[in-house]
Amino acid sequence: MKTETVNVAALKQNLSAYLHMVEQGAEVLVTSHRRAVARLVPDNGTGLAVRPPTLPVSALANIRGVKLRKPFSAVQALLEDRQRR
C-alpha cells in the first residue's frame, strides 16, 4: 500500500485529490509542523457499529450547561449543544 505524506495546508487545498487517492487504496499521512497528526486510510467496508447508550438520557442533567426541558428530545439537545460550540 502506497503512503503519501502531506501537511495540513496542502491537504486543505487539495482535499478532493487526496480523498481520491485514498479511494484508490493509498494511505495519506497528515502532518503539522513535520509531526504526524492523522492518517487517512481506505474504508474497509465494515461500516460503523451503533452502540446502545451506557447511561439514560436523564444523566445529561448532571452535565454543567445542559438544561433539560419537558418534553425532552435528545436530538434537539445535541443540536443545541453543537450550535453553542
Protein backbone atom coordinates (compact mmCIF):
# COMPACT_ATOMS: atom_id res chain seq x y z
CA MET A 1 0.00 0.00 0.00
CA LYS A 2 1.41 3.39 -1.03
CA THR A 3 1.70 6.03 1.70
CA GLU A 4 1.63 9.71 0.77
CA THR A 5 2.68 12.38 3.29
CA VAL A 6 1.03 15.80 3.19
CA ASN A 7 0.90 18.79 5.53
CA VAL A 8 -2.41 20.22 6.72
CA ALA A 9 -2.30 23.28 4.44
CA ALA A 10 -1.70 21.22 1.30
CA LEU A 11 -4.41 18.76 2.34
CA LYS A 12 -6.92 21.60 2.73
CA GLN A 13 -6.07 22.98 -0.71
CA ASN A 14 -6.30 19.61 -2.47
CA LEU A 15 -8.69 17.60 -0.30
CA SER A 16 -10.60 16.07 -3.21
CA ALA A 17 -7.42 14.81 -4.84
CA TYR A 18 -6.17 13.21 -1.62
CA LEU A 19 -9.56 11.61 -0.96
CA HIS A 20 -9.47 10.18 -4.48
CA MET A 21 -6.03 8.71 -3.73
CA VAL A 22 -7.43 7.09 -0.58
CA GLU A 23 -10.34 5.68 -2.59
CA GLN A 24 -7.79 4.10 -4.92
CA GLY A 25 -6.12 2.35 -1.94
CA ALA A 26 -3.37 4.74 -0.86
CA GLU A 27 -2.76 5.89 2.72
CA VAL A 28 -2.29 9.60 3.41
CA LEU A 29 -0.24 10.64 6.43
CA VAL A 30 -1.23 14.16 7.55
CA THR A 31 1.45 16.24 9.27
CA SER A 32 1.50 19.52 11.14
CA HIS A 33 4.87 21.15 11.74
CA ARG A 34 6.54 17.94 10.49
CA ARG A 35 4.73 15.87 13.15
CA ALA A 36 2.21 13.20 12.17
CA VAL A 37 -1.30 14.10 13.38
CA ALA A 38 -3.62 11.85 11.35
CA ARG A 39 -3.75 9.03 8.84
CA LEU A 40 -6.37 8.70 6.10
CA VAL A 41 -6.93 5.09 5.11
CA PRO A 42 -9.42 3.42 2.76
CA ASP A 43 -12.68 2.32 4.33
CA ASN A 44 -12.64 -1.41 4.98
CA GLY A 45 -16.37 -1.64 4.27
CA THR A 46 -17.40 -2.88 7.70
CA GLY A 47 -19.33 0.29 8.45
CA LEU A 48 -19.78 1.86 11.83
CA ALA A 49 -21.22 -0.03 14.74
CA VAL A 50 -24.03 1.65 16.66
CA ARG A 51 -23.66 1.09 20.37
CA PRO A 52 -26.54 1.36 22.80
CA PRO A 53 -26.25 4.19 25.35
CA THR A 54 -24.45 3.35 28.57
CA LEU A 55 -26.42 5.89 30.62
CA PRO A 56 -30.01 7.08 30.47
CA VAL A 57 -30.79 10.41 28.79
CA SER A 58 -31.62 11.84 32.22
CA ALA A 59 -27.88 11.65 33.02
CA LEU A 60 -27.43 14.67 30.73
CA ALA A 61 -28.93 16.78 33.51
CA ASN A 62 -25.74 16.19 35.53
CA ILE A 63 -23.58 17.90 32.90
CA ARG A 64 -22.90 21.57 33.56
CA GLY A 65 -24.52 23.79 30.96
CA VAL A 66 -27.11 21.23 29.83
CA LYS A 67 -30.68 22.20 30.65
CA LEU A 68 -33.38 19.60 30.07
CA ARG A 69 -36.88 20.65 29.18
CA LYS A 70 -40.11 18.70 29.27
CA PRO A 71 -40.82 17.08 26.82
CA PHE A 72 -37.16 16.23 26.29
CA SER A 73 -35.61 15.46 22.88
CA ALA A 74 -32.06 14.08 22.94
CA VAL A 75 -31.59 15.03 19.28
CA GLN A 76 -32.65 18.62 19.95
CA ALA A 77 -30.28 18.80 22.95
CA LEU A 78 -27.36 17.62 20.79
CA LEU A 79 -28.18 20.12 18.05
CA GLU A 80 -28.38 22.98 20.56
CA ASP A 81 -25.04 21.91 22.07
CA ARG A 82 -23.41 21.93 18.63
CA GLN A 83 -24.73 25.42 17.92
CA ARG A 84 -23.21 26.70 21.18
CA ARG A 85 -19.73 25.44 20.28
